[in-house]
C-alpha atoms as a PDB file:
ATOM      1  CA  MET A   1       9.957 -79.367  27.397  1.00  0.00           C
ATOM      2  CA  PRO A   2       6.360 -80.267  26.314  1.00  0.00           C
ATOM      3  CA  LYS A   3       4.812 -78.020  23.698  1.00  0.00           C
ATOM      4  CA  ARG A   4       2.076 -75.803  25.085  1.00  0.00           C
ATOM      5  CA  LEU A   5      -1.304 -76.266  23.407  1.00  0.00           C
ATOM      6  CA  VAL A   6      -3.764 -73.385  23.009  1.00  0.00           C
ATOM      7  CA  ARG A   7      -7.307 -73.945  21.776  1.00  0.00           C
ATOM      8  CA  ARG A   8      -9.697 -71.046  21.084  1.00  0.00           C
ATOM      9  CA  GLY A   9     -13.353 -71.211  20.132  1.00  0.00           C
ATOM     10  CA  ARG A  10     -16.598 -69.294  20.163  1.00  0.00           C
ATOM     11  CA  VAL A  11     -20.328 -70.077  20.034  1.00  0.00           C
ATOM     12  CA  ARG A  12     -23.275 -67.840  19.261  1.00  0.00           C
ATOM     13  CA  GLY A  13     -26.379 -67.372  21.394  1.00  0.00           C
ATOM     14  CA  TYR A  14     -25.074 -68.899  24.647  1.00  0.00           C
ATOM     15  CA  ARG A  15     -27.799 -68.083  27.198  1.00  0.00           C
ATOM     16  CA  PRO A  16     -27.277 -69.979  30.463  1.00  0.00           C
ATOM     17  CA  THR A  17     -29.422 -69.681  33.544  1.00  0.00           C
ATOM     18  CA  HIS A  18     -27.911 -68.925  36.946  1.00  0.00           C
ATOM     19  CA  SER A  19     -27.463 -72.636  37.697  1.00  0.00           C
ATOM     20  CA  GLN A  20     -26.055 -73.379  34.230  1.00  0.00           C
ATOM     21  CA  LEU A  21     -23.477 -70.614  34.720  1.00  0.00           C
ATOM     22  CA  GLN A  22     -22.371 -72.301  37.931  1.00  0.00           C
ATOM     23  CA  GLU A  23     -22.085 -75.612  36.053  1.00  0.00           C
ATOM     24  CA  ILE A  24     -19.876 -74.165  33.300  1.00  0.00           C
ATOM     25  CA  LEU A  25     -17.593 -72.512  35.876  1.00  0.00           C
ATOM     26  CA  GLU A  26     -17.332 -75.756  37.848  1.00  0.00           C
ATOM     27  CA  LEU A  27     -16.384 -77.572  34.645  1.00  0.00           C
ATOM     28  CA  ALA A  28     -13.807 -74.926  33.695  1.00  0.00           C
ATOM     29  CA  GLN A  29     -12.185 -75.092  37.167  1.00  0.00           C
ATOM     30  CA  ARG A  30     -12.064 -78.868  37.475  1.00  0.00           C
ATOM     31  CA  ASP A  31      -8.528 -80.270  38.014  1.00  0.00           C
ATOM     32  CA  PHE A  32      -7.136 -76.930  39.210  1.00  0.00           C
ATOM     33  CA  GLY A  33      -5.295 -76.953  42.535  1.00  0.00           C
ATOM     34  CA  ASP A  34      -5.298 -74.602  45.526  1.00  0.00           C
ATOM     35  CA  ALA A  35      -2.436 -72.597  43.993  1.00  0.00           C
ATOM     36  CA  SER A  36      -4.636 -71.426  41.121  1.00  0.00           C
ATOM     37  CA  ALA A  37      -5.930 -67.873  40.679  1.00  0.00           C
ATOM     38  CA  ALA A  38      -9.500 -67.270  39.471  1.00  0.00           C
ATOM     39  CA  HIS A  39     -11.154 -64.036  38.354  1.00  0.00           C
ATOM     40  CA  LEU A  40     -14.755 -63.173  37.511  1.00  0.00           C
ATOM     41  CA  VAL A  41     -15.549 -59.653  36.280  1.00  0.00           C
ATOM     42  CA  TYR A  42     -18.865 -58.199  35.179  1.00  0.00           C
ATOM     43  CA  SER A  43     -18.687 -54.950  33.187  1.00  0.00           C
ATOM     44  CA  GLN A  44     -21.688 -52.667  33.611  1.00  0.00           C
ATOM     45  CA  GLY A  45     -20.929 -49.693  31.404  1.00  0.00           C
ATOM     46  CA  ASP A  46     -17.669 -48.205  32.698  1.00  0.00           C
ATOM     47  CA  LEU A  47     -18.094 -49.982  36.032  1.00  0.00           C
ATOM     48  CA  GLU A  48     -16.362 -53.310  36.748  1.00  0.00           C
ATOM     49  CA  ILE A  49     -17.885 -55.561  39.417  1.00  0.00           C
ATOM     50  CA  TYR A  50     -15.975 -58.512  40.843  1.00  0.00           C
ATOM     51  CA  PRO A  51     -15.614 -60.498  44.096  1.00  0.00           C
ATOM     52  CA  GLN A  52     -13.861 -58.435  46.763  1.00  0.00           C
ATOM     53  CA  ALA A  53     -11.436 -61.165  47.864  1.00  0.00           C
ATOM     54  CA  ASP A  54      -8.851 -63.012  45.771  1.00  0.00           C
ATOM     55  CA  THR A  55      -9.801 -66.645  45.388  1.00  0.00           C
ATOM     56  CA  PRO A  56      -8.305 -69.826  43.910  1.00  0.00           C
ATOM     57  CA  LYS A  57     -11.712 -70.750  42.492  1.00  0.00           C
ATOM     58  CA  ILE A  58     -14.986 -68.984  41.736  1.00  0.00           C
ATOM     59  CA  LEU A  59     -17.754 -70.292  43.988  1.00  0.00           C
ATOM     60  CA  PRO A  60     -21.539 -69.800  43.810  1.00  0.00           C
ATOM     61  CA  ASN A  61     -21.403 -67.132  46.511  1.00  0.00           C
ATOM     62  CA  HIS A  62     -19.016 -65.077  44.336  1.00  0.00           C
ATOM     63  CA  ILE A  63     -21.593 -65.095  41.524  1.00  0.00           C
ATOM     64  CA  ASP A  64     -24.277 -64.046  43.995  1.00  0.00           C
ATOM     65  CA  GLU A  65     -22.026 -61.237  45.206  1.00  0.00           C
ATOM     66  CA  ILE A  66     -21.643 -59.875  41.682  1.00  0.00           C
ATOM     67  CA  ILE A  67     -25.402 -60.076  41.058  1.00  0.00           C
ATOM     68  CA  LYS A  68     -26.074 -58.196  44.291  1.00  0.00           C
ATOM     69  CA  GLU A  69     -23.504 -55.492  43.499  1.00  0.00           C
ATOM     70  CA  ALA A  70     -25.019 -55.129  40.014  1.00  0.00           C
ATOM     71  CA  ASP A  71     -28.394 -54.319  41.656  1.00  0.00           C
ATOM     72  CA  ASP A  72     -30.017 -57.685  40.856  1.00  0.00           C
ATOM     73  CA  PRO A  73     -30.370 -57.304  37.051  1.00  0.00           C
ATOM     74  CA  ASP A  74     -32.483 -59.553  34.827  1.00  0.00           C
ATOM     75  CA  GLU A  75     -29.359 -60.551  32.895  1.00  0.00           C
ATOM     76  CA  LEU A  76     -25.584 -60.338  32.779  1.00  0.00           C
ATOM     77  CA  ASN A  77     -24.330 -59.759  29.249  1.00  0.00           C
ATOM     78  CA  ASN A  78     -20.657 -58.853  29.670  1.00  0.00           C
ATOM     79  CA  LEU A  79     -19.000 -61.398  31.969  1.00  0.00           C
ATOM     80  CA  ASP A  80     -15.332 -62.410  31.880  1.00  0.00           C
ATOM     81  CA  PHE A  81     -13.979 -65.465  33.704  1.00  0.00           C
ATOM     82  CA  SER A  82     -10.443 -66.839  33.922  1.00  0.00           C
ATOM     83  CA  ILE A  83      -8.535 -69.350  36.028  1.00  0.00           C
ATOM     84  CA  SER A  84      -4.850 -70.276  35.783  1.00  0.00           C
ATOM     85  CA  GLN A  85      -2.114 -72.160  37.586  1.00  0.00           C
ATOM     86  CA  ALA A  86       1.643 -72.483  37.062  1.00  0.00           C
ATOM     87  CA  THR A  87       2.250 -76.214  37.763  1.00  0.00           C
ATOM     88  CA  PRO A  88       1.138 -77.954  35.662  1.00  0.00           C
ATOM     89  CA  ILE A  89       0.460 -75.090  33.282  1.00  0.00           C
ATOM     90  CA  ARG A  90      -3.284 -74.708  32.840  1.00  0.00           C
ATOM     91  CA  ARG A  91      -5.468 -71.767  31.914  1.00  0.00           C
ATOM     92  CA  VAL A  92      -9.126 -71.438  30.965  1.00  0.00           C
ATOM     93  CA  GLU A  93     -10.869 -68.221  29.883  1.00  0.00           C
ATOM     94  CA  THR A  94     -14.494 -67.545  29.019  1.00  0.00           C
ATOM     95  CA  HIS A  95     -16.023 -64.265  27.821  1.00  0.00           C
ATOM     96  CA  ILE A  96     -19.835 -64.166  27.686  1.00  0.00           C
ATOM     97  CA  GLY A  97     -20.947 -61.261  25.518  1.00  0.00           C
ATOM     98  CA  PRO A  98     -21.392 -58.459  24.967  1.00  0.00           C
ATOM     99  CA  GLY A  99     -23.061 -59.132  21.660  1.00  0.00           C
ATOM    100  CA  ASN A 100     -23.785 -62.497  20.091  1.00  0.00           C
ATOM    101  CA  TRP A 101     -20.629 -64.433  20.853  1.00  0.00           C
ATOM    102  CA  THR A 102     -19.234 -66.298  23.815  1.00  0.00           C
ATOM    103  CA  THR A 103     -15.510 -66.916  23.324  1.00  0.00           C
ATOM    104  CA  TYR A 104     -13.372 -69.361  25.267  1.00  0.00           C
ATOM    105  CA  ARG A 105      -9.723 -70.358  25.446  1.00  0.00           C
ATOM    106  CA  VAL A 106      -7.951 -73.398  26.905  1.00  0.00           C
ATOM    107  CA  GLU A 107      -4.180 -73.528  27.386  1.00  0.00           C
ATOM    108  CA  SER A 108      -1.933 -76.225  28.880  1.00  0.00           C
ATOM    109  CA  ASP A 109       1.349 -78.051  28.446  1.00  0.00           C
ATOM    110  CA  ASP A 110      -0.685 -81.252  28.853  1.00  0.00           C
ATOM    111  CA  GLN A 111      -2.172 -81.589  25.384  1.00  0.00           C
ATOM    112  CA  THR A 112      -4.519 -84.430  26.353  1.00  0.00           C
ATOM    113  CA  TRP A 113      -5.987 -82.334  29.150  1.00  0.00           C
ATOM    114  CA  ALA A 114      -6.298 -79.261  26.906  1.00  0.00           C
ATOM    115  CA  TYR A 115      -8.109 -81.172  24.152  1.00  0.00           C
ATOM    116  CA  GLY A 116     -10.415 -82.842  26.654  1.00  0.00           C
ATOM    117  CA  ARG A 117     -11.317 -79.636  28.490  1.00  0.00           C
ATOM    118  CA  TYR A 118     -11.846 -77.761  25.218  1.00  0.00           C
ATOM    119  CA  HIS A 119     -14.314 -80.381  23.960  1.00  0.00           C
ATOM    120  CA  GLU A 120     -16.128 -80.548  27.314  1.00  0.00           C
ATOM    121  CA  LEU A 121     -16.550 -76.773  27.334  1.00  0.00           C
ATOM    122  CA  THR A 122     -17.704 -76.735  23.717  1.00  0.00           C
ATOM    123  CA  ASP A 123     -20.341 -79.401  24.398  1.00  0.00           C
ATOM    124  CA  LYS A 124     -21.637 -77.499  27.410  1.00  0.00           C
ATOM    125  CA  LEU A 125     -21.672 -74.123  25.675  1.00  0.00           C
ATOM    126  CA  MET A 126     -23.403 -75.542  22.607  1.00  0.00           C
ATOM    127  CA  SER A 127     -26.115 -77.256  24.643  1.00  0.00           C
ATOM    128  CA  ASN A 128     -27.039 -74.195  26.751  1.00  0.00           C
ATOM    129  CA  ARG A 129     -27.990 -71.982  23.823  1.00  0.00           C
ATOM    130  CA  SER A 130     -31.272 -70.652  22.529  1.00  0.00           C
ATOM    131  CA  LEU A 131     -33.193 -72.809  20.053  1.00  0.00           C
ATOM    132  CA  TYR A 132     -32.827 -70.162  17.353  1.00  0.00           C
ATOM    133  CA  ALA A 133     -29.043 -70.072  17.861  1.00  0.00           C
ATOM    134  CA  LYS A 134     -28.927 -73.878  17.579  1.00  0.00           C
ATOM    135  CA  PHE A 135     -30.798 -73.639  14.270  1.00  0.00           C
ATOM    136  CA  LYS A 136     -28.907 -70.629  12.913  1.00  0.00           C
ATOM    137  CA  SER A 137     -25.399 -71.636  14.078  1.00  0.00           C
ATOM    138  CA  GLY A 138     -25.245 -75.402  14.246  1.00  0.00           C
ATOM    139  CA  THR A 139     -21.477 -75.545  14.756  1.00  0.00           C
ATOM    140  CA  PRO A 140     -18.930 -73.686  16.912  1.00  0.00           C
ATOM    141  CA  GLN A 141     -16.194 -71.569  15.354  1.00  0.00           C
ATOM    142  CA  VAL A 142     -12.407 -71.648  15.725  1.00  0.00           C
ATOM    143  CA  LEU A 143      -9.712 -69.192  14.731  1.00  0.00           C
ATOM    144  CA  LYS A 144      -8.133 -69.760  11.343  1.00  0.00           C
ATOM    145  CA  GLU A 145      -4.517 -70.861  11.447  1.00  0.00           C
ATOM    146  CA  GLY A 146      -2.105 -67.933  11.674  1.00  0.00           C
ATOM    147  CA  THR A 147      -4.812 -65.320  12.345  1.00  0.00           C
ATOM    148  CA  ASP A 148      -6.004 -63.502  15.463  1.00  0.00           C
ATOM    149  CA  ASP A 149      -9.435 -62.323  14.338  1.00  0.00           C
ATOM    150  CA  ARG A 150     -10.648 -64.531  11.464  1.00  0.00           C
ATOM    151  CA  TRP A 151     -13.040 -67.275  12.473  1.00  0.00           C
ATOM    152  CA  ARG A 152     -14.295 -70.335  10.616  1.00  0.00           C
ATOM    153  CA  SER A 153     -16.913 -72.962  11.377  1.00  0.00           C
ATOM    154  CA  THR A 154     -15.615 -76.305  12.558  1.00  0.00           C
ATOM    155  CA  PRO A 155     -17.362 -79.690  12.179  1.00  0.00           C
ATOM    156  CA  TRP A 156     -19.464 -80.609  15.189  1.00  0.00           C
ATOM    157  CA  GLU A 157     -22.170 -83.208  15.616  1.00  0.00           C
ATOM    158  CA  PRO A 158     -25.267 -81.382  16.890  1.00  0.00           C
ATOM    159  CA  PRO A 159     -27.696 -83.318  19.111  1.00  0.00           C
ATOM    160  CA  LYS A 160     -30.950 -84.371  17.455  1.00  0.00           C
ATOM    161  CA  ASN A 161     -33.743 -82.138  18.706  1.00  0.00           C
ATOM    162  CA  TRP A 162     -37.184 -81.770  17.148  1.00  0.00           C
ATOM    163  CA  LEU A 163     -37.594 -78.359  18.814  1.00  0.00           C
ATOM    164  CA  VAL A 164     -34.638 -77.030  16.795  1.00  0.00           C
ATOM    165  CA  PHE A 165     -36.267 -78.385  13.619  1.00  0.00           C
ATOM    166  CA  ALA A 166     -39.597 -76.775  14.563  1.00  0.00           C
ATOM    167  CA  THR A 167     -37.808 -73.466  15.220  1.00  0.00           C
ATOM    168  CA  GLY A 168     -36.278 -73.649  11.752  1.00  0.00           C
ATOM    169  CA  ILE A 169     -39.703 -74.221  10.200  1.00  0.00           C
ATOM    170  CA  ALA A 170     -41.161 -71.278  12.141  1.00  0.00           C
ATOM    171  CA  THR A 171     -38.267 -69.114  10.929  1.00  0.00           C
ATOM    172  CA  ILE A 172     -38.509 -70.002   7.237  1.00  0.00           C
ATOM    173  CA  LEU A 173     -42.267 -70.514   6.737  1.00  0.00           C
ATOM    174  CA  PRO A 174     -43.354 -66.822   6.850  1.00  0.00           C
ATOM    175  CA  TRP A 175     -40.864 -65.996   4.088  1.00  0.00           C
ATOM    176  CA  MET A 176     -41.915 -69.056   2.074  1.00  0.00           C
ATOM    177  CA  LEU A 177     -45.523 -67.815   2.128  1.00  0.00           C
ATOM    178  CA  LEU A 178     -44.340 -64.561   0.554  1.00  0.00           C
ATOM    179  CA  VAL A 179     -42.400 -66.478  -2.119  1.00  0.00           C
ATOM    180  CA  LEU A 180     -45.406 -68.710  -2.869  1.00  0.00           C
ATOM    181  CA  ALA A 181     -47.624 -65.643  -3.214  1.00  0.00           C
ATOM    182  CA  ALA A 182     -45.166 -64.113  -5.692  1.00  0.00           C
ATOM    183  CA  PHE A 183     -44.999 -67.402  -7.607  1.00  0.00           C
ATOM    184  CA  ALA A 184     -48.817 -67.576  -7.763  1.00  0.00           C
ATOM    185  CA  ALA A 185     -48.936 -63.985  -9.093  1.00  0.00           C
ATOM    186  CA  ILE A 186     -46.480 -64.875 -11.881  1.00  0.00           C
ATOM    187  CA  ILE A 187     -48.553 -67.924 -12.883  1.00  0.00           C
ATOM    188  CA  LEU A 188     -51.704 -65.793 -12.885  1.00  0.00           C
ATOM    189  CA  ALA A 189     -50.050 -63.185 -15.109  1.00  0.00           C
ATOM    190  CA  VAL A 190     -48.884 -65.843 -17.568  1.00  0.00           C
ATOM    191  CA  GLN A 191     -52.341 -67.447 -17.776  1.00  0.00           C
ATOM    192  CA  ALA A 192     -54.034 -64.062 -18.175  1.00  0.00           C
ATOM    193  CA  ALA A 193     -51.680 -63.144 -21.029  1.00  0.00           C
ATOM    194  CA  ASN A 194     -52.113 -66.472 -22.861  1.00  0.00           C
ATOM    195  CA  PRO A 195     -55.518 -66.842 -24.606  1.00  0.00           C
ATOM    196  CA  GLY A 196     -54.893 -70.578 -25.045  1.00  0.00           C
ATOM    197  CA  SER A 197     -55.156 -72.961 -27.976  1.00  0.00           C
ATOM    198  CA  ASN A 198     -57.686 -75.462 -26.569  1.00  0.00           C
ATOM    199  CA  ALA A 199     -60.767 -75.480 -24.346  1.00  0.00           C
ATOM    200  CA  THR A 200     -58.856 -76.165 -21.125  1.00  0.00           C
ATOM    201  CA  GLU A 201     -56.359 -73.360 -21.710  1.00  0.00           C
ATOM    202  CA  ARG A 202     -59.127 -70.938 -22.724  1.00  0.00           C
ATOM    203  CA  GLU A 203     -61.020 -71.726 -19.517  1.00  0.00           C
ATOM    204  CA  SER A 204     -57.848 -71.148 -17.478  1.00  0.00           C
ATOM    205  CA  HIS A 205     -57.395 -67.856 -19.348  1.00  0.00           C
ATOM    206  CA  ARG A 206     -60.963 -66.797 -18.532  1.00  0.00           C
ATOM    207  CA  ILE A 207     -60.591 -67.598 -14.820  1.00  0.00           C
ATOM    208  CA  ALA A 208     -57.207 -65.855 -14.715  1.00  0.00           C
ATOM    209  CA  LEU A 209     -58.742 -62.706 -16.239  1.00  0.00           C
ATOM    210  CA  GLN A 210     -61.472 -62.739 -13.584  1.00  0.00           C
ATOM    211  CA  ASP A 211     -58.918 -63.110 -10.801  1.00  0.00           C
ATOM    212  CA  ALA A 212     -56.740 -60.386 -12.322  1.00  0.00           C
ATOM    213  CA  HIS A 213     -59.754 -58.050 -12.555  1.00  0.00           C
ATOM    214  CA  TYR A 214     -60.582 -58.723  -8.874  1.00  0.00           C
ATOM    215  CA  LEU A 215     -56.991 -58.068  -7.804  1.00  0.00           C
ATOM    216  CA  GLY A 216     -56.856 -54.915  -9.907  1.00  0.00           C
ATOM    217  CA  ALA A 217     -60.041 -53.613  -8.318  1.00  0.00           C
ATOM    218  CA  HIS A 218     -58.548 -54.100  -4.856  1.00  0.00           C
ATOM    219  CA  ALA A 219     -54.974 -53.148  -5.746  1.00  0.00           C
ATOM    220  CA  PRO A 220     -54.561 -50.365  -3.108  1.00  0.00           C
ATOM    221  CA  ILE A 221     -55.708 -52.620  -0.250  1.00  0.00           C
ATOM    222  CA  LEU A 222     -53.592 -55.515  -1.502  1.00  0.00           C
ATOM    223  CA  ALA A 223     -50.545 -53.259  -1.759  1.00  0.00           C
ATOM    224  CA  ILE A 224     -51.043 -52.166   1.855  1.00  0.00           C
ATOM    225  CA  LEU A 225     -51.482 -55.799   2.925  1.00  0.00           C
ATOM    226  CA  ILE A 226     -48.263 -56.871   1.222  1.00  0.00           C
ATOM    227  CA  LEU A 227     -46.321 -53.903   2.613  1.00  0.00           C
ATOM    228  CA  CYS A 228     -47.588 -54.564   6.153  1.00  0.00           C
ATOM    229  CA  TYR A 229     -46.767 -58.251   5.855  1.00  0.00           C
ATOM    230  CA  ILE A 230     -43.207 -57.440   4.782  1.00  0.00           C
ATOM    231  CA  ILE A 231     -42.777 -54.949   7.641  1.00  0.00           C
ATOM    232  CA  THR A 232     -44.106 -57.567  10.074  1.00  0.00           C
ATOM    233  CA  LEU A 233     -41.635 -60.107   8.685  1.00  0.00           C
ATOM    234  CA  PHE A 234     -38.694 -57.761   9.220  1.00  0.00           C
ATOM    235  CA  ALA A 235     -39.857 -57.005  12.777  1.00  0.00           C
ATOM    236  CA  TYR A 236     -40.177 -60.759  13.386  1.00  0.00           C
ATOM    237  CA  GLN A 237     -36.688 -61.313  11.985  1.00  0.00           C
ATOM    238  CA  HIS A 238     -35.325 -58.559  14.243  1.00  0.00           C
ATOM    239  CA  TRP A 239     -36.939 -60.231  17.261  1.00  0.00           C
ATOM    240  CA  LEU A 240     -35.411 -63.582  16.294  1.00  0.00           C
ATOM    241  CA  ARG A 241     -31.948 -62.012  16.115  1.00  0.00           C
ATOM    242  CA  THR A 242     -32.226 -61.020  19.784  1.00  0.00           C
ATOM    243  CA  TRP A 243     -32.033 -64.746  20.590  1.00  0.00           C
ATOM    244  CA  LEU A 244     -28.517 -64.835  19.145  1.00  0.00           C
ATOM    245  CA  ARG A 245     -27.194 -62.584  21.915  1.00  0.00           C
ATOM    246  CA  SER A 246     -24.977 -64.249  24.494  1.00  0.00           C
ATOM    247  CA  LYS A 247     -25.942 -63.457  28.074  1.00  0.00           C
ATOM    248  CA  ILE A 248     -26.737 -65.001  31.435  1.00  0.00           C
ATOM    249  CA  VAL A 249     -30.501 -65.046  31.947  1.00  0.00           C
ATOM    250  CA  LEU A 250     -31.105 -64.508  35.656  1.00  0.00           C
ATOM    251  CA  ARG A 251     -34.835 -63.870  35.338  1.00  0.00           C
ATOM    252  CA  LYS A 252     -36.784 -65.089  32.326  1.00  0.00           C
ATOM    253  CA  PRO A 253     -39.002 -62.353  30.849  1.00  0.00           C
ATOM    254  CA  SER A 254     -42.616 -63.177  30.108  1.00  0.00           C
ATOM    255  CA  LEU A 255     -43.872 -63.165  26.529  1.00  0.00           C
ATOM    256  CA  ILE A 256     -45.988 -60.092  27.305  1.00  0.00           C
ATOM    257  CA  SER A 257     -42.989 -58.157  28.652  1.00  0.00           C
ATOM    258  CA  GLN A 258     -41.023 -58.865  25.461  1.00  0.00           C
ATOM    259  CA  PHE A 259     -43.696 -57.025  23.486  1.00  0.00           C
ATOM    260  CA  SER A 260     -44.098 -54.223  26.015  1.00  0.00           C
ATOM    261  CA  PHE A 261     -42.683 -50.713  25.613  1.00  0.00           C
ATOM    262  CA  ARG A 262     -42.032 -50.607  29.366  1.00  0.00           C
ATOM    263  CA  GLY A 263     -39.271 -53.204  29.306  1.00  0.00           C
ATOM    264  CA  ARG A 264     -35.791 -51.861  29.968  1.00  0.00           C
ATOM    265  CA  LYS A 265     -34.436 -53.772  26.963  1.00  0.00           C
ATOM    266  CA  SER A 266     -37.302 -52.920  24.619  1.00  0.00           C
ATOM    267  CA  ASP A 267     -36.481 -51.830  21.075  1.00  0.00           C
ATOM    268  CA  THR A 268     -39.163 -49.145  20.742  1.00  0.00           C
ATOM    269  CA  VAL A 269     -38.666 -48.569  17.009  1.00  0.00           C
ATOM    270  CA  SER A 270     -39.029 -52.263  16.137  1.00  0.00           C
ATOM    271  CA  LEU A 271     -41.978 -52.706  18.488  1.00  0.00           C
ATOM    272  CA  ALA A 272     -43.744 -49.677  17.050  1.00  0.00           C
ATOM    273  CA  SER A 273     -43.166 -50.915  13.480  1.00  0.00           C
ATOM    274  CA  PHE A 274     -44.462 -54.341  14.444  1.00  0.00           C
ATOM    275  CA  TYR A 275     -47.655 -53.062  16.080  1.00  0.00           C
ATOM    276  CA  VAL A 276     -48.440 -50.583  13.293  1.00  0.00           C
ATOM    277  CA  ALA A 277     -47.901 -53.277  10.651  1.00  0.00           C
ATOM    278  CA  VAL A 278     -50.017 -55.883  12.464  1.00  0.00           C
ATOM    279  CA  PHE A 279     -52.932 -53.530  13.164  1.00  0.00           C
ATOM    280  CA  THR A 280     -52.874 -52.232   9.581  1.00  0.00           C
ATOM    281  CA  LEU A 281     -52.707 -55.806   8.310  1.00  0.00           C
ATOM    282  CA  ILE A 282     -55.779 -56.756  10.342  1.00  0.00           C
ATOM    283  CA  ALA A 283     -57.718 -53.642   9.349  1.00  0.00           C
ATOM    284  CA  THR A 284     -57.030 -53.980   5.618  1.00  0.00           C
ATOM    285  CA  SER A 285     -57.824 -57.716   5.731  1.00  0.00           C
ATOM    286  CA  ILE A 286     -61.206 -56.969   7.279  1.00  0.00           C
ATOM    287  CA  ALA A 287     -61.823 -54.260   4.704  1.00  0.00           C
ATOM    288  CA  LEU A 288     -60.949 -56.658   1.881  1.00  0.00           C
ATOM    289  CA  ILE A 289     -63.290 -59.331   3.248  1.00  0.00           C
ATOM    290  CA  ILE A 290     -66.180 -56.874   3.638  1.00  0.00           C
ATOM    291  CA  GLN A 291     -65.781 -55.658   0.082  1.00  0.00           C
END
């Protein structure tokens, strides 16, 4: 009797559109016969929504039925899919959210088929992710041998994409500016403390003392600027982490709606911190320039 092969994996930040969800389900169901049994369940709080009729395969109209029953939401973030058949033994499962991870499982007594389907699903799941997820989690994860809940990264060749590189730069640069500012402050302190042994060093000492006197005279405003910048950075980092969540995006929100308190998914505390920090940053910058 052939040994049954089971492959499990997960990816972070899988965010397909309606059409991309249909594509992943079509891929998962390929090579299954009419004797298969498919299930698609969306959990909305304590309520479970699923197609009313049993079906050998999930079709686009079944997805539309779930969306309609869920009152046409902007997203689906807790969707479970499975399809199985007895001969030959085949089973595919996919769980999209809730949270950051989309997990999937392929099982078959045909090891070639199981390996092939697992890699096809992984490629598709990895490609339909947010740019930040592609930068932050460049590889999928698999379960460690002999464990049920411990995951490890597995080697995977990511596609070359300049947008992912640009996203990484946009993620790191604001923090690098803070580090460079701290480094410049240390150099200034060293030069101000060292009177120098030659004309060049003495001139650097004199300029450093002038700069230190200017900074000392504006210390309260500078402290507020630095504090606001740090708060803004943490709010920015919190916003970036929202792009790691796995969900089906049925209706893309506008940039304005993401920074609006009226959005149903708005994090009011983070938004308030962000706006207060930005406005204070602008006001103190203007005050510093005027002085």
